[in-house]
Amino acid sequence: MDAGLFHAGVEVHGHEFSFGMTRYGQGTGLFMCRPKKNGNHAYRESLFLGHTSMRRQEVKKVTQEMKKEWMGHTYRLLSKNCIHFSAAFSKRLGVKEVPRWVFGMASLAQDLVQSLANRTEAMGRAISLTNCNGSQLLDEIAEERRQALASGTRYDL
């Protein structure tokens, strides 16, 4: 099912860059460590996304720009996590995209949450159309029935 829950980072010029929630929601969530040495996560495998043509200074400039967008308080488990950062960073580096399967459980969970939200919204619309308790719909059916009886037309519910 490709439903794993993974941590991701991008290695470039001997450093691994990633994103996470910060304590008390302060500061950037972007951080750097030695490749494959993040003590908060178990290393599984590396995926080669290609070589960037950017020099160290260019990568540093990109990370400085991204720090503003990737603040620790904006971290969301399903919609803005380390994998989303890795995908955005890889794009900025001009290398291949992070494979869809890496998004795993977060992607499945986000799809489920969106599906539930859509259904909840549809139910809300249906309830509002029936005056929250179905009385509007029942009133309309009763009126149609009265009109049919008054005109002598057969009315089947």
Protein backbone atom coordinates (compact mmCIF):
# COMPACT_ATOMS: atom_id res chain seq x y z
CA MET A 1 0.00 0.00 0.00
CA ASP A 2 3.01 2.32 0.20
CA ALA A 3 1.67 3.55 3.51
CA GLY A 4 4.83 4.08 5.52
CA LEU A 5 5.42 7.07 7.73
CA PHE A 6 8.82 8.41 6.74
CA HIS A 7 11.23 11.17 7.66
CA ALA A 8 13.04 12.78 4.76
CA GLY A 9 15.97 15.08 4.22
CA VAL A 10 18.01 16.19 1.23
CA GLU A 11 21.76 15.74 1.15
CA VAL A 12 23.72 18.37 -0.74
CA HIS A 13 27.42 19.33 -0.47
CA GLY A 14 27.98 17.04 2.51
CA HIS A 15 25.05 18.27 4.60
CA GLU A 16 21.52 16.94 5.09
CA PHE A 17 18.75 19.55 5.17
CA SER A 18 15.32 18.89 6.57
CA PHE A 19 12.31 20.50 8.25
CA GLY A 20 10.55 19.93 11.54
CA MET A 21 8.38 21.45 14.22
CA THR A 22 10.20 23.74 16.62
CA ARG A 23 9.82 23.93 20.37
CA TYR A 24 7.25 26.49 21.38
CA GLY A 25 6.69 27.26 17.67
CA GLN A 26 9.59 29.70 17.51
CA GLY A 27 12.14 30.08 14.75
CA THR A 28 12.71 28.27 11.53
CA GLY A 29 11.99 24.58 11.27
CA LEU A 30 14.69 24.15 8.65
CA PHE A 31 17.75 22.39 10.05
CA MET A 32 20.98 20.82 8.90
CA CYS A 33 22.85 17.76 10.15
CA ARG A 34 25.42 15.23 8.99
CA PRO A 35 23.94 12.94 6.30
CA LYS A 36 22.09 9.92 7.69
CA LYS A 37 22.87 11.01 11.28
CA ASN A 38 19.60 12.61 12.40
CA GLY A 39 19.29 11.23 15.92
CA ASN A 40 15.50 11.57 16.00
CA HIS A 41 14.86 9.22 13.09
CA ALA A 42 16.03 5.80 11.90
CA TYR A 43 17.85 5.83 8.59
CA ARG A 44 16.30 3.50 6.00
CA GLU A 45 17.72 4.27 2.57
CA SER A 46 19.00 6.94 0.23
CA LEU A 47 17.34 7.84 -3.04
CA PHE A 48 19.53 9.48 -5.66
CA LEU A 49 17.75 12.52 -7.11
CA GLY A 50 20.65 13.75 -9.21
CA HIS A 51 23.40 16.33 -8.88
CA THR A 52 22.66 20.01 -8.43
CA SER A 53 24.54 22.54 -10.50
CA MET A 54 24.41 24.96 -7.57
CA ARG A 55 27.57 25.86 -5.69
CA ARG A 56 27.68 25.94 -1.88
CA GLN A 57 26.99 29.69 -1.76
CA GLU A 58 23.95 29.29 -4.02
CA VAL A 59 22.59 26.47 -1.84
CA LYS A 60 23.16 28.64 1.23
CA LYS A 61 21.20 31.47 -0.41
CA VAL A 62 18.33 29.08 -1.24
CA THR A 63 18.19 27.76 2.34
CA GLN A 64 18.22 31.32 3.71
CA GLU A 65 15.24 32.15 1.49
CA MET A 66 13.41 28.95 2.42
CA LYS A 67 13.89 29.52 6.18
CA LYS A 68 11.29 32.28 5.98
CA GLU A 69 8.65 29.99 4.47
CA TRP A 70 9.48 26.91 6.54
CA MET A 71 9.01 28.23 10.07
CA GLY A 72 8.62 25.67 12.85
CA HIS A 73 5.12 26.81 13.78
CA THR A 74 3.89 26.11 10.22
CA TYR A 75 4.74 22.40 10.47
CA ARG A 76 1.71 20.18 9.78
CA LEU A 77 1.97 16.41 10.06
CA LEU A 78 -0.12 15.76 6.94
CA SER A 79 0.32 18.81 4.74
CA LYS A 80 3.62 20.57 5.50
CA ASN A 81 6.21 18.18 6.86
CA CYS A 82 9.80 17.13 6.19
CA ILE A 83 8.78 15.31 3.02
CA HIS A 84 7.01 18.36 1.63
CA PHE A 85 10.13 20.39 2.44
CA SER A 86 12.36 17.82 0.73
CA ALA A 87 10.18 17.99 -2.38
CA ALA A 88 10.28 21.81 -2.43
CA PHE A 89 14.03 21.91 -1.75
CA SER A 90 14.76 19.32 -4.46
CA LYS A 91 12.81 21.41 -6.93
CA ARG A 92 14.80 24.51 -5.99
CA LEU A 93 18.03 22.53 -6.39
CA GLY A 94 16.97 21.48 -9.90
CA VAL A 95 17.14 17.73 -9.27
CA LYS A 96 14.56 14.96 -9.72
CA GLU A 97 11.31 15.00 -7.75
CA VAL A 98 10.87 13.11 -4.52
CA PRO A 99 8.98 9.90 -5.50
CA ARG A 100 5.28 9.86 -4.56
CA TRP A 101 5.66 6.70 -2.47
CA VAL A 102 7.88 8.59 -0.01
CA PHE A 103 4.83 10.67 0.96
CA GLY A 104 3.29 7.32 2.07
CA MET A 105 0.98 7.49 5.10
CA ALA A 106 0.88 11.30 5.16
CA SER A 107 -0.51 11.31 1.63
CA LEU A 108 -3.08 8.60 2.38
CA ALA A 109 -4.15 10.32 5.59
CA GLN A 110 -4.44 13.68 3.86
CA ASP A 111 -6.61 12.11 1.14
CA LEU A 112 -8.82 10.55 3.82
CA VAL A 113 -9.14 13.85 5.70
CA GLN A 114 -10.02 15.66 2.45
CA SER A 115 -12.61 13.02 1.57
CA LEU A 116 -14.21 13.33 5.01
CA ALA A 117 -14.19 17.12 4.72
CA ASN A 118 -15.90 16.92 1.32
CA ARG A 119 -18.56 14.57 2.71
CA THR A 120 -19.09 16.76 5.76
CA GLU A 121 -19.50 19.79 3.51
CA ALA A 122 -22.01 17.92 1.32
CA MET A 123 -23.97 16.84 4.41
CA GLY A 124 -23.94 20.44 5.64
CA ARG A 125 -25.39 21.63 2.33
CA ALA A 126 -28.06 18.92 2.42
CA ILE A 127 -29.01 19.81 5.99
CA SER A 128 -29.20 23.52 5.17
CA LEU A 129 -31.50 22.74 2.24
CA THR A 130 -33.84 20.84 4.54
CA ASN A 131 -33.98 23.56 7.17
CA CYS A 132 -31.81 21.49 9.56
CA ASN A 133 -34.58 18.99 10.33
CA GLY A 134 -36.17 18.07 7.03
CA SER A 135 -39.20 20.32 7.54
CA GLN A 136 -38.61 22.33 4.36
CA LEU A 137 -38.53 19.17 2.24
CA LEU A 138 -41.63 17.80 3.96
CA ASP A 139 -43.45 21.13 3.42
CA GLU A 140 -42.57 21.02 -0.30
CA ILE A 141 -43.86 17.43 -0.62
CA ALA A 142 -47.08 18.36 1.20
CA GLU A 143 -47.61 21.36 -1.08
CA GLU A 144 -47.07 19.25 -4.21
CA ARG A 145 -49.58 16.74 -2.86
CA ARG A 146 -52.18 19.48 -2.16
CA GLN A 147 -51.74 20.88 -5.66
CA ALA A 148 -52.09 17.42 -7.21
CA LEU A 149 -55.26 16.67 -5.21
CA ALA A 150 -56.75 20.09 -6.04
CA SER A 151 -56.20 19.52 -9.75
CA GLY A 152 -57.47 15.97 -9.62
CA THR A 153 -54.08 14.57 -10.61
CA ARG A 154 -52.87 11.35 -9.06
CA TYR A 155 -50.00 11.92 -6.65
CA ASP A 156 -47.58 9.13 -5.80
CA LEU A 157 -44.89 9.62 -3.26
